[in-house]
Amino acid sequence: MTLVYMKKALIVGIDNYSGASLTGCVNDANAMANVLETNGDGSPNFSIKLITSPTNTVDKSSLREAITHLFDGYCDMALFYFSGHGLIKSTGGYIVTTDFKQYDEGISMDEILSLANQSDVRDKIIILDCCHSGAFGTPATFGTNAAYLLEGLSVLTASRDSESAIEINGSGVFTSLAIEALKGGAADLRGHITPGSLYSYIDQALGPWDQRPIFKTNVSRFTSLRTVQPPVESATLRKITAYFTSPDMEYPLDPSYEFTEEDVAIKENVEIFKNLQKFVGVGLVVPVGEEHMYFAAMNSKSCKLTALGHQYWRLVKEKKI
């Protein structure tokens, strides 16, 4: 059976700039391609086109052609990732290509923005790990700091337009965090990783004195960049509305729910208690009047949904899980 990919990604990493070499961009591009190619269960995710220098030619003409082809036609998602030198001038931001020269350093971020905005692809994702990448999405010709993203476009950059992007130990700090996030660090309880959760993970990891990632988006809903094994199986998660018939109720407990109490333990209650403890582990449920669920059961207390639990209760009730 032929696989039909509805998501495609152009991944670019450039190290060998004449007189201005970098050391981690090719490594970052390879790592990004590897993690995006499949989901956590090994199923196909993005169809990848990987361009790295010195392996490939990454001059302005060939890269412009590749970016144009990325946003041609229709698919569910097109993702552009770039790791290399970035530049900002009075005319805006640029990603620098290997054939750079004064007054012709590379491809304008405004040009890439225009290609993405005009694309018929449903969701467009731009991820830039380069200096001054925060300039993307704010065309210099408009003379303001406002972002001009048409619907369906999300942009995640390593730094503000005035900042450098840092490399440590042969990898960009931003991309290292992005890889951790895509491997599962930014996953929700269903195992989905979205552009928003990816940004949130990186944002929380970088302190106020570090380079600051920038997130710009114009979407009506987030779609998944990658899925991983969820911490709680969907079939188990859906039982939340069976245990809590309303989001504000407290679920009563007693010693029959604790398997260590052999004389009073009830098998059905023990199984329910195991699931409730899973919900506690991911922040959906808390015991009432006790610090731990064990004591809530032994002392015939109860448990209740957290604010996050309310949210997932609603998603299950609306059959979105």
C-alpha atoms as a PDB file:
ATOM      1  CA  MET A   1       0.000   0.000   0.000  1.00  0.00           C
ATOM      2  CA  THR A   2       1.358   3.442  -0.947  1.00  0.00           C
ATOM      3  CA  LEU A   3       1.579   5.945   1.887  1.00  0.00           C
ATOM      4  CA  VAL A   4      -0.139   9.263   1.206  1.00  0.00           C
ATOM      5  CA  TYR A   5       1.421  12.086   3.196  1.00  0.00           C
ATOM      6  CA  MET A   6      -0.815  15.077   3.876  1.00  0.00           C
ATOM      7  CA  LYS A   7       1.940  16.940   5.739  1.00  0.00           C
ATOM      8  CA  LYS A   8       5.220  18.030   4.216  1.00  0.00           C
ATOM      9  CA  ALA A   9       8.259  19.749   5.702  1.00  0.00           C
ATOM     10  CA  LEU A  10      11.279  21.525   4.269  1.00  0.00           C
ATOM     11  CA  ILE A  11      14.133  21.298   6.786  1.00  0.00           C
ATOM     12  CA  VAL A  12      17.229  23.429   6.139  1.00  0.00           C
ATOM     13  CA  GLY A  13      20.506  23.605   8.083  1.00  0.00           C
ATOM     14  CA  ILE A  14      23.592  25.567   7.005  1.00  0.00           C
ATOM     15  CA  ASP A  15      26.981  25.398   8.735  1.00  0.00           C
ATOM     16  CA  ASN A  16      29.585  26.199   6.093  1.00  0.00           C
ATOM     17  CA  TYR A  17      29.312  29.901   5.450  1.00  0.00           C
ATOM     18  CA  SER A  18      32.510  31.278   3.942  1.00  0.00           C
ATOM     19  CA  GLY A  19      34.321  33.168   6.696  1.00  0.00           C
ATOM     20  CA  ALA A  20      31.397  32.815   9.109  1.00  0.00           C
ATOM     21  CA  SER A  21      30.974  29.092   9.751  1.00  0.00           C
ATOM     22  CA  LEU A  22      28.550  27.672  12.304  1.00  0.00           C
ATOM     23  CA  THR A  23      28.791  24.302  14.050  1.00  0.00           C
ATOM     24  CA  GLY A  24      25.323  23.142  15.113  1.00  0.00           C
ATOM     25  CA  CYS A  25      22.870  23.976  12.331  1.00  0.00           C
ATOM     26  CA  VAL A  26      23.252  20.767  10.312  1.00  0.00           C
ATOM     27  CA  ASN A  27      22.964  18.721  13.507  1.00  0.00           C
ATOM     28  CA  ASP A  28      19.809  20.646  14.410  1.00  0.00           C
ATOM     29  CA  ALA A  29      18.279  20.152  10.962  1.00  0.00           C
ATOM     30  CA  ASN A  30      18.974  16.408  11.037  1.00  0.00           C
ATOM     31  CA  ALA A  31      17.468  16.110  14.530  1.00  0.00           C
ATOM     32  CA  MET A  32      14.380  18.077  13.512  1.00  0.00           C
ATOM     33  CA  ALA A  33      13.892  15.934  10.400  1.00  0.00           C
ATOM     34  CA  ASN A  34      14.248  12.728  12.413  1.00  0.00           C
ATOM     35  CA  VAL A  35      11.678  13.699  15.032  1.00  0.00           C
ATOM     36  CA  LEU A  36       9.118  15.117  12.579  1.00  0.00           C
ATOM     37  CA  GLU A  37       9.262  12.224  10.112  1.00  0.00           C
ATOM     38  CA  THR A  38       7.305   9.847  12.347  1.00  0.00           C
ATOM     39  CA  ASN A  39       4.928   9.989  15.286  1.00  0.00           C
ATOM     40  CA  GLY A  40       5.750   8.464  18.642  1.00  0.00           C
ATOM     41  CA  ASP A  41       4.300   5.101  17.595  1.00  0.00           C
ATOM     42  CA  GLY A  42       6.402   4.982  14.429  1.00  0.00           C
ATOM     43  CA  SER A  43       3.578   5.893  12.066  1.00  0.00           C
ATOM     44  CA  PRO A  44       4.418   8.336   9.228  1.00  0.00           C
ATOM     45  CA  ASN A  45       4.011  12.023  10.033  1.00  0.00           C
ATOM     46  CA  PHE A  46       5.717  14.541   7.707  1.00  0.00           C
ATOM     47  CA  SER A  47       7.149  13.841   4.274  1.00  0.00           C
ATOM     48  CA  ILE A  48      10.575  15.446   4.686  1.00  0.00           C
ATOM     49  CA  LYS A  49      12.814  17.301   2.243  1.00  0.00           C
ATOM     50  CA  LEU A  50      16.131  17.832   4.034  1.00  0.00           C
ATOM     51  CA  ILE A  51      18.658  20.363   2.724  1.00  0.00           C
ATOM     52  CA  THR A  52      21.915  20.803   4.607  1.00  0.00           C
ATOM     53  CA  SER A  53      25.237  22.404   3.753  1.00  0.00           C
ATOM     54  CA  PRO A  54      27.868  21.168   2.924  1.00  0.00           C
ATOM     55  CA  THR A  55      25.923  18.084   1.724  1.00  0.00           C
ATOM     56  CA  ASN A  56      23.631  20.117  -0.569  1.00  0.00           C
ATOM     57  CA  THR A  57      23.801  23.404  -2.405  1.00  0.00           C
ATOM     58  CA  VAL A  58      21.983  26.040  -0.407  1.00  0.00           C
ATOM     59  CA  ASP A  59      22.368  29.122  -2.560  1.00  0.00           C
ATOM     60  CA  LYS A  60      19.637  31.694  -2.795  1.00  0.00           C
ATOM     61  CA  SER A  61      18.176  30.397  -6.043  1.00  0.00           C
ATOM     62  CA  SER A  62      17.918  26.729  -4.995  1.00  0.00           C
ATOM     63  CA  LEU A  63      16.514  27.573  -1.561  1.00  0.00           C
ATOM     64  CA  ARG A  64      13.947  29.975  -3.009  1.00  0.00           C
ATOM     65  CA  GLU A  65      12.847  27.207  -5.402  1.00  0.00           C
ATOM     66  CA  ALA A  66      12.500  24.716  -2.531  1.00  0.00           C
ATOM     67  CA  ILE A  67      10.462  27.146  -0.410  1.00  0.00           C
ATOM     68  CA  THR A  68       8.205  27.954  -3.362  1.00  0.00           C
ATOM     69  CA  HIS A  69       7.553  24.242  -3.963  1.00  0.00           C
ATOM     70  CA  LEU A  70       6.841  23.713  -0.255  1.00  0.00           C
ATOM     71  CA  PHE A  71       3.919  26.130  -0.333  1.00  0.00           C
ATOM     72  CA  ASP A  72       2.656  25.072  -3.793  1.00  0.00           C
ATOM     73  CA  GLY A  73      -0.471  22.979  -4.180  1.00  0.00           C
ATOM     74  CA  TYR A  74      -2.660  21.760  -1.339  1.00  0.00           C
ATOM     75  CA  CYS A  75      -2.037  19.575   1.691  1.00  0.00           C
ATOM     76  CA  ASP A  76      -2.982  19.603   5.355  1.00  0.00           C
ATOM     77  CA  MET A  77       0.229  21.167   6.610  1.00  0.00           C
ATOM     78  CA  ALA A  78       3.458  22.624   5.246  1.00  0.00           C
ATOM     79  CA  LEU A  79       6.312  23.301   7.685  1.00  0.00           C
ATOM     80  CA  PHE A  80       9.480  25.279   6.990  1.00  0.00           C
ATOM     81  CA  TYR A  81      12.391  24.973   9.437  1.00  0.00           C
ATOM     82  CA  PHE A  82      15.611  26.930   9.022  1.00  0.00           C
ATOM     83  CA  SER A  83      18.786  26.848  11.112  1.00  0.00           C
ATOM     84  CA  GLY A  84      21.631  29.114  10.029  1.00  0.00           C
ATOM     85  CA  HIS A  85      22.621  32.751   9.954  1.00  0.00           C
ATOM     86  CA  GLY A  86      19.976  35.441  10.156  1.00  0.00           C
ATOM     87  CA  LEU A  87      20.377  39.118   9.366  1.00  0.00           C
ATOM     88  CA  ILE A  88      18.353  42.251   9.919  1.00  0.00           C
ATOM     89  CA  LYS A  89      18.681  45.427   7.847  1.00  0.00           C
ATOM     90  CA  SER A  90      16.644  48.556   7.279  1.00  0.00           C
ATOM     91  CA  THR A  91      14.755  46.570   4.634  1.00  0.00           C
ATOM     92  CA  GLY A  92      13.801  43.804   7.083  1.00  0.00           C
ATOM     93  CA  GLY A  93      14.987  40.355   8.113  1.00  0.00           C
ATOM     94  CA  TYR A  94      16.803  37.800   5.944  1.00  0.00           C
ATOM     95  CA  ILE A  95      17.806  34.151   6.166  1.00  0.00           C
ATOM     96  CA  VAL A  96      21.376  33.985   4.897  1.00  0.00           C
ATOM     97  CA  THR A  97      22.337  31.546   2.126  1.00  0.00           C
ATOM     98  CA  THR A  98      25.768  30.115   1.278  1.00  0.00           C
ATOM     99  CA  ASP A  99      26.281  32.489  -1.666  1.00  0.00           C
ATOM    100  CA  PHE A 100      25.778  35.596   0.449  1.00  0.00           C
ATOM    101  CA  LYS A 101      27.478  38.830  -0.476  1.00  0.00           C
ATOM    102  CA  GLN A 102      27.110  42.418   0.622  1.00  0.00           C
ATOM    103  CA  TYR A 103      23.688  43.855  -0.297  1.00  0.00           C
ATOM    104  CA  ASP A 104      22.553  40.386  -1.398  1.00  0.00           C
ATOM    105  CA  GLU A 105      22.790  38.236   1.711  1.00  0.00           C
ATOM    106  CA  GLY A 106      19.931  35.791   1.213  1.00  0.00           C
ATOM    107  CA  ILE A 107      16.158  35.450   1.082  1.00  0.00           C
ATOM    108  CA  SER A 108      13.949  38.098   2.609  1.00  0.00           C
ATOM    109  CA  MET A 109      11.703  36.962   5.452  1.00  0.00           C
ATOM    110  CA  ASP A 110       9.013  39.150   3.888  1.00  0.00           C
ATOM    111  CA  GLU A 111       9.238  37.109   0.679  1.00  0.00           C
ATOM    112  CA  ILE A 112       8.789  33.850   2.596  1.00  0.00           C
ATOM    113  CA  LEU A 113       5.870  35.419   4.472  1.00  0.00           C
ATOM    114  CA  SER A 114       4.245  36.345   1.168  1.00  0.00           C
ATOM    115  CA  LEU A 115       4.620  32.799  -0.192  1.00  0.00           C
ATOM    116  CA  ALA A 116       3.108  31.326   2.981  1.00  0.00           C
ATOM    117  CA  ASN A 117       0.247  33.835   3.103  1.00  0.00           C
ATOM    118  CA  GLN A 118      -0.687  33.136  -0.522  1.00  0.00           C
ATOM    119  CA  SER A 119      -0.488  29.351  -0.164  1.00  0.00           C
ATOM    120  CA  ASP A 120      -3.571  27.132  -0.375  1.00  0.00           C
ATOM    121  CA  VAL A 121      -2.094  24.745   2.212  1.00  0.00           C
ATOM    122  CA  ARG A 122      -4.471  24.565   5.162  1.00  0.00           C
ATOM    123  CA  ASP A 123      -1.869  25.063   7.919  1.00  0.00           C
ATOM    124  CA  LYS A 124       1.513  26.701   7.430  1.00  0.00           C
ATOM    125  CA  ILE A 125       4.196  26.540  10.133  1.00  0.00           C
ATOM    126  CA  ILE A 126       7.442  28.559  10.042  1.00  0.00           C
ATOM    127  CA  ILE A 127      10.160  27.695  12.590  1.00  0.00           C
ATOM    128  CA  LEU A 128      13.355  29.766  12.475  1.00  0.00           C
ATOM    129  CA  ASP A 129      16.445  29.191  14.604  1.00  0.00           C
ATOM    130  CA  CYS A 130      18.620  32.095  13.536  1.00  0.00           C
ATOM    131  CA  CYS A 131      19.639  35.502  14.818  1.00  0.00           C
ATOM    132  CA  HIS A 132      17.022  38.265  14.461  1.00  0.00           C
ATOM    133  CA  SER A 133      14.380  35.682  13.499  1.00  0.00           C
ATOM    134  CA  GLY A 134      11.706  37.585  15.425  1.00  0.00           C
ATOM    135  CA  ALA A 135      11.526  39.982  12.475  1.00  0.00           C
ATOM    136  CA  PHE A 136       9.566  37.334  10.558  1.00  0.00           C
ATOM    137  CA  GLY A 137       5.921  38.273  10.067  1.00  0.00           C
ATOM    138  CA  THR A 138       6.348  42.034  10.533  1.00  0.00           C
ATOM    139  CA  PRO A 139       7.052  43.397   7.038  1.00  0.00           C
ATOM    140  CA  ALA A 140       9.544  46.258   7.097  1.00  0.00           C
ATOM    141  CA  THR A 141       7.661  48.063   4.342  1.00  0.00           C
ATOM    142  CA  PHE A 142       4.712  48.625   6.702  1.00  0.00           C
ATOM    143  CA  GLY A 143       6.890  50.448   9.206  1.00  0.00           C
ATOM    144  CA  THR A 144       5.161  48.985  12.296  1.00  0.00           C
ATOM    145  CA  ASN A 145       5.666  46.097  14.709  1.00  0.00           C
ATOM    146  CA  ALA A 146       2.300  44.570  13.811  1.00  0.00           C
ATOM    147  CA  ALA A 147       2.289  41.024  12.426  1.00  0.00           C
ATOM    148  CA  TYR A 148       0.629  40.398   9.062  1.00  0.00           C
ATOM    149  CA  LEU A 149      -0.238  36.735   9.033  1.00  0.00           C
ATOM    150  CA  LEU A 150      -3.213  35.497   7.051  1.00  0.00           C
ATOM    151  CA  GLU A 151      -5.350  32.721   8.533  1.00  0.00           C
ATOM    152  CA  GLY A 152      -3.675  29.365   8.853  1.00  0.00           C
ATOM    153  CA  LEU A 153      -0.133  30.630   9.462  1.00  0.00           C
ATOM    154  CA  SER A 154       1.889  30.182  12.666  1.00  0.00           C
ATOM    155  CA  VAL A 155       5.436  31.416  13.224  1.00  0.00           C
ATOM    156  CA  LEU A 156       7.829  30.323  15.967  1.00  0.00           C
ATOM    157  CA  THR A 157      11.241  31.986  16.155  1.00  0.00           C
ATOM    158  CA  ALA A 158      14.290  31.504  18.346  1.00  0.00           C
ATOM    159  CA  SER A 159      14.688  35.135  19.341  1.00  0.00           C
ATOM    160  CA  ARG A 160      13.422  38.678  19.052  1.00  0.00           C
ATOM    161  CA  ASP A 161      14.329  40.720  15.978  1.00  0.00           C
ATOM    162  CA  SER A 162      17.052  42.430  18.030  1.00  0.00           C
ATOM    163  CA  GLU A 163      18.578  39.259  19.515  1.00  0.00           C
ATOM    164  CA  SER A 164      21.076  36.589  18.568  1.00  0.00           C
ATOM    165  CA  ALA A 165      20.269  32.875  18.670  1.00  0.00           C
ATOM    166  CA  ILE A 166      22.661  30.937  20.905  1.00  0.00           C
ATOM    167  CA  GLU A 167      24.494  27.678  20.145  1.00  0.00           C
ATOM    168  CA  ILE A 168      25.784  25.466  22.967  1.00  0.00           C
ATOM    169  CA  ASN A 169      27.635  22.154  22.558  1.00  0.00           C
ATOM    170  CA  GLY A 170      26.977  21.900  18.832  1.00  0.00           C
ATOM    171  CA  SER A 171      23.260  22.644  18.927  1.00  0.00           C
ATOM    172  CA  GLY A 172      21.017  25.682  19.038  1.00  0.00           C
ATOM    173  CA  VAL A 173      19.452  26.242  22.459  1.00  0.00           C
ATOM    174  CA  PHE A 174      16.075  26.883  20.835  1.00  0.00           C
ATOM    175  CA  THR A 175      16.134  23.779  18.640  1.00  0.00           C
ATOM    176  CA  SER A 176      17.323  21.556  21.491  1.00  0.00           C
ATOM    177  CA  LEU A 177      14.261  22.599  23.477  1.00  0.00           C
ATOM    178  CA  ALA A 178      12.014  22.181  20.437  1.00  0.00           C
ATOM    179  CA  ILE A 179      13.234  18.607  19.950  1.00  0.00           C
ATOM    180  CA  GLU A 180      12.537  17.797  23.615  1.00  0.00           C
ATOM    181  CA  ALA A 181       9.060  19.284  23.218  1.00  0.00           C
ATOM    182  CA  LEU A 182       8.345  17.310  20.036  1.00  0.00           C
ATOM    183  CA  LYS A 183       9.496  14.067  21.642  1.00  0.00           C
ATOM    184  CA  GLY A 184       6.713  14.435  24.185  1.00  0.00           C
ATOM    185  CA  GLY A 185       7.552  17.279  26.537  1.00  0.00           C
ATOM    186  CA  ALA A 186       4.861  19.491  25.017  1.00  0.00           C
ATOM    187  CA  ALA A 187       2.208  16.777  24.579  1.00  0.00           C
ATOM    188  CA  ASP A 188      -1.265  17.124  26.039  1.00  0.00           C
ATOM    189  CA  LEU A 189      -3.096  14.246  27.720  1.00  0.00           C
ATOM    190  CA  ARG A 190      -4.152  12.918  24.325  1.00  0.00           C
ATOM    191  CA  GLY A 191      -0.550  12.863  23.097  1.00  0.00           C
ATOM    192  CA  HIS A 192      -0.945  15.813  20.707  1.00  0.00           C
ATOM    193  CA  ILE A 193       1.783  18.439  20.264  1.00  0.00           C
ATOM    194  CA  THR A 194       0.593  21.713  18.713  1.00  0.00           C
ATOM    195  CA  PRO A 195       2.453  24.884  17.703  1.00  0.00           C
ATOM    196  CA  GLY A 196       1.032  26.548  20.819  1.00  0.00           C
ATOM    197  CA  SER A 197       2.197  23.827  23.214  1.00  0.00           C
ATOM    198  CA  LEU A 198       5.602  23.755  21.483  1.00  0.00           C
ATOM    199  CA  TYR A 199       6.022  27.476  22.120  1.00  0.00           C
ATOM    200  CA  SER A 200       4.784  27.183  25.703  1.00  0.00           C
ATOM    201  CA  TYR A 201       7.363  24.484  26.471  1.00  0.00           C
ATOM    202  CA  ILE A 202      10.244  26.538  25.062  1.00  0.00           C
ATOM    203  CA  ASP A 203       9.005  29.764  26.634  1.00  0.00           C
ATOM    204  CA  GLN A 204       8.902  28.233  30.113  1.00  0.00           C
ATOM    205  CA  ALA A 205      12.363  26.688  29.728  1.00  0.00           C
ATOM    206  CA  LEU A 206      14.084  29.963  28.785  1.00  0.00           C
ATOM    207  CA  GLY A 207      14.459  32.491  31.579  1.00  0.00           C
ATOM    208  CA  PRO A 208      13.920  36.259  31.351  1.00  0.00           C
ATOM    209  CA  TRP A 209      17.636  36.873  30.791  1.00  0.00           C
ATOM    210  CA  ASP A 210      17.913  34.358  27.943  1.00  0.00           C
ATOM    211  CA  GLN A 211      17.041  34.813  24.289  1.00  0.00           C
ATOM    212  CA  ARG A 212      13.274  35.110  24.070  1.00  0.00           C
ATOM    213  CA  PRO A 213      11.321  32.967  21.604  1.00  0.00           C
ATOM    214  CA  ILE A 214       8.545  34.666  19.658  1.00  0.00           C
ATOM    215  CA  PHE A 215       5.218  33.101  18.664  1.00  0.00           C
ATOM    216  CA  LYS A 216       2.872  34.673  16.133  1.00  0.00           C
ATOM    217  CA  THR A 217      -0.235  32.969  14.841  1.00  0.00           C
ATOM    218  CA  ASN A 218      -3.505  33.511  13.027  1.00  0.00           C
ATOM    219  CA  VAL A 219      -5.458  30.265  13.324  1.00  0.00           C
ATOM    220  CA  SER A 220      -8.972  29.298  14.330  1.00  0.00           C
ATOM    221  CA  ARG A 221      -7.767  25.982  15.797  1.00  0.00           C
ATOM    222  CA  PHE A 222      -4.446  24.307  16.514  1.00  0.00           C
ATOM    223  CA  THR A 223      -3.629  21.131  14.641  1.00  0.00           C
ATOM    224  CA  SER A 224      -1.142  18.516  15.756  1.00  0.00           C
ATOM    225  CA  LEU A 225       2.498  18.720  14.673  1.00  0.00           C
ATOM    226  CA  ARG A 226       3.188  15.276  16.113  1.00  0.00           C
ATOM    227  CA  THR A 227       1.534  12.705  18.339  1.00  0.00           C
ATOM    228  CA  VAL A 228       3.126  10.569  21.044  1.00  0.00           C
ATOM    229  CA  GLN A 229       1.908   7.910  23.441  1.00  0.00           C
ATOM    230  CA  PRO A 230      -0.505   9.688  25.820  1.00  0.00           C
ATOM    231  CA  PRO A 231       0.124   9.380  29.579  1.00  0.00           C
ATOM    232  CA  VAL A 232      -3.434   8.077  29.964  1.00  0.00           C
ATOM    233  CA  GLU A 233      -5.057   5.913  27.302  1.00  0.00           C
ATOM    234  CA  SER A 234      -8.042   7.528  25.601  1.00  0.00           C
ATOM    235  CA  ALA A 235     -10.289   4.626  26.615  1.00  0.00           C
ATOM    236  CA  THR A 236      -9.391   5.258  30.262  1.00  0.00           C
ATOM    237  CA  LEU A 237      -9.707   9.029  29.913  1.00  0.00           C
ATOM    238  CA  ARG A 238     -13.242   8.661  28.563  1.00  0.00           C
ATOM    239  CA  LYS A 239     -14.297   7.015  31.837  1.00  0.00           C
ATOM    240  CA  ILE A 240     -13.993  10.368  33.577  1.00  0.00           C
ATOM    241  CA  THR A 241     -17.627  11.212  32.820  1.00  0.00           C
ATOM    242  CA  ALA A 242     -18.749   7.824  34.152  1.00  0.00           C
ATOM    243  CA  TYR A 243     -17.013   8.414  37.481  1.00  0.00           C
ATOM    244  CA  PHE A 244     -17.999  12.072  37.703  1.00  0.00           C
ATOM    245  CA  THR A 245     -21.549  12.450  36.390  1.00  0.00           C
ATOM    246  CA  SER A 246     -21.174  16.212  36.729  1.00  0.00           C
ATOM    247  CA  PRO A 247     -17.922  18.192  36.767  1.00  0.00           C
ATOM    248  CA  ASP A 248     -18.588  19.556  40.262  1.00  0.00           C
ATOM    249  CA  MET A 249     -19.428  16.305  42.047  1.00  0.00           C
ATOM    250  CA  GLU A 250     -17.131  14.571  44.526  1.00  0.00           C
ATOM    251  CA  TYR A 251     -16.517  10.878  44.009  1.00  0.00           C
ATOM    252  CA  PRO A 252     -16.978   9.044  47.358  1.00  0.00           C
ATOM    253  CA  LEU A 253     -14.267   6.625  48.457  1.00  0.00           C
ATOM    254  CA  ASP A 254     -13.944   3.987  51.173  1.00  0.00           C
ATOM    255  CA  PRO A 255     -11.506   1.177  52.099  1.00  0.00           C
ATOM    256  CA  SER A 256     -13.045  -1.167  49.517  1.00  0.00           C
ATOM    257  CA  TYR A 257     -11.173   0.805  46.802  1.00  0.00           C
ATOM    258  CA  GLU A 258      -7.735   0.016  48.268  1.00  0.00           C
ATOM    259  CA  PHE A 259      -6.334  -3.336  47.075  1.00  0.00           C
ATOM    260  CA  THR A 260      -4.184  -3.793  50.194  1.00  0.00           C
ATOM    261  CA  GLU A 261      -7.323  -4.206  52.314  1.00  0.00           C
ATOM    262  CA  GLU A 262      -7.917  -7.850  51.373  1.00  0.00           C
ATOM    263  CA  ASP A 263     -10.901  -8.377  53.660  1.00  0.00           C
ATOM    264  CA  VAL A 264     -12.930  -5.454  52.295  1.00  0.00           C
ATOM    265  CA  ALA A 265     -11.463  -4.720  48.848  1.00  0.00           C
ATOM    266  CA  ILE A 266     -13.934  -5.004  45.964  1.00  0.00           C
ATOM    267  CA  LYS A 267     -12.368  -5.843  42.595  1.00  0.00           C
ATOM    268  CA  GLU A 268     -14.509  -3.384  40.612  1.00  0.00           C
ATOM    269  CA  ASN A 269     -13.720  -0.577  43.041  1.00  0.00           C
ATOM    270  CA  VAL A 270     -10.014  -1.379  42.978  1.00  0.00           C
ATOM    271  CA  GLU A 271      -9.991  -1.016  39.175  1.00  0.00           C
ATOM    272  CA  ILE A 272     -11.811   2.300  39.400  1.00  0.00           C
ATOM    273  CA  PHE A 273      -9.336   3.460  42.046  1.00  0.00           C
ATOM    274  CA  LYS A 274      -6.392   2.611  39.773  1.00  0.00           C
ATOM    275  CA  ASN A 275      -7.870   4.838  37.060  1.00  0.00           C
ATOM    276  CA  LEU A 276      -8.590   7.623  39.523  1.00  0.00           C
ATOM    277  CA  GLN A 277      -4.960   7.478  40.643  1.00  0.00           C
ATOM    278  CA  LYS A 278      -3.878   7.783  37.008  1.00  0.00           C
ATOM    279  CA  PHE A 279      -6.032  10.910  36.800  1.00  0.00           C
ATOM    280  CA  VAL A 280      -4.327  12.230  39.924  1.00  0.00           C
ATOM    281  CA  GLY A 281      -0.947  11.622  38.309  1.00  0.00           C
ATOM    282  CA  VAL A 282      -1.753  13.882  35.351  1.00  0.00           C
ATOM    283  CA  GLY A 283      -3.479  16.591  37.354  1.00  0.00           C
ATOM    284  CA  LEU A 284      -7.120  15.814  36.588  1.00  0.00           C
ATOM    285  CA  VAL A 285      -8.211  14.710  40.073  1.00  0.00           C
ATOM    286  CA  VAL A 286      -7.248  15.534  43.673  1.00  0.00           C
ATOM    287  CA  PRO A 287      -8.256  13.900  46.979  1.00  0.00           C
ATOM    288  CA  VAL A 288     -10.560  15.904  49.252  1.00  0.00           C
ATOM    289  CA  GLY A 289      -9.530  16.351  52.876  1.00  0.00           C
ATOM    290  CA  GLU A 290      -6.395  14.229  52.574  1.00  0.00           C
ATOM    291  CA  GLU A 291      -2.984  14.670  51.000  1.00  0.00           C
ATOM    292  CA  HIS A 292      -2.959  11.270  49.268  1.00  0.00           C
ATOM    293  CA  MET A 293      -5.611   9.126  47.608  1.00  0.00           C
ATOM    294  CA  TYR A 294      -4.702   6.158  49.831  1.00  0.00           C
ATOM    295  CA  PHE A 295      -5.750   8.037  52.958  1.00  0.00           C
ATOM    296  CA  ALA A 296      -8.836   9.424  51.199  1.00  0.00           C
ATOM    297  CA  ALA A 297      -9.949   5.828  50.609  1.00  0.00           C
ATOM    298  CA  MET A 298      -8.952   4.511  54.028  1.00  0.00           C
ATOM    299  CA  ASN A 299     -10.724   7.379  55.800  1.00  0.00           C
ATOM    300  CA  SER A 300     -13.811   7.255  53.547  1.00  0.00           C
ATOM    301  CA  LYS A 301     -13.234  10.701  52.070  1.00  0.00           C
ATOM    302  CA  SER A 302     -13.672  11.623  48.413  1.00  0.00           C
ATOM    303  CA  CYS A 303     -11.917  13.035  45.367  1.00  0.00           C
ATOM    304  CA  LYS A 304     -12.849  15.735  42.860  1.00  0.00           C
ATOM    305  CA  LEU A 305     -11.894  17.148  39.476  1.00  0.00           C
ATOM    306  CA  THR A 306      -9.314  19.905  39.179  1.00  0.00           C
ATOM    307  CA  ALA A 307      -9.755  22.845  36.793  1.00  0.00           C
ATOM    308  CA  LEU A 308      -7.866  20.796  34.190  1.00  0.00           C
ATOM    309  CA  GLY A 309     -10.108  17.866  35.012  1.00  0.00           C
ATOM    310  CA  HIS A 310     -13.138  20.052  34.258  1.00  0.00           C
ATOM    311  CA  GLN A 311     -11.672  20.783  30.830  1.00  0.00           C
ATOM    312  CA  TYR A 312     -11.123  17.134  29.942  1.00  0.00           C
ATOM    313  CA  TRP A 313     -14.508  16.168  31.406  1.00  0.00           C
ATOM    314  CA  ARG A 314     -16.063  18.643  28.971  1.00  0.00           C
ATOM    315  CA  LEU A 315     -14.025  17.293  26.022  1.00  0.00           C
ATOM    316  CA  VAL A 316     -15.161  13.739  26.786  1.00  0.00           C
ATOM    317  CA  LYS A 317     -18.783  14.850  27.232  1.00  0.00           C
ATOM    318  CA  GLU A 318     -18.660  16.605  23.856  1.00  0.00           C
ATOM    319  CA  LYS A 319     -17.186  13.425  22.300  1.00  0.00           C
ATOM    320  CA  LYS A 320     -13.958  15.188  21.344  1.00  0.00           C
ATOM    321  CA  ILE A 321     -11.884  12.441  22.940  1.00  0.00           C
END
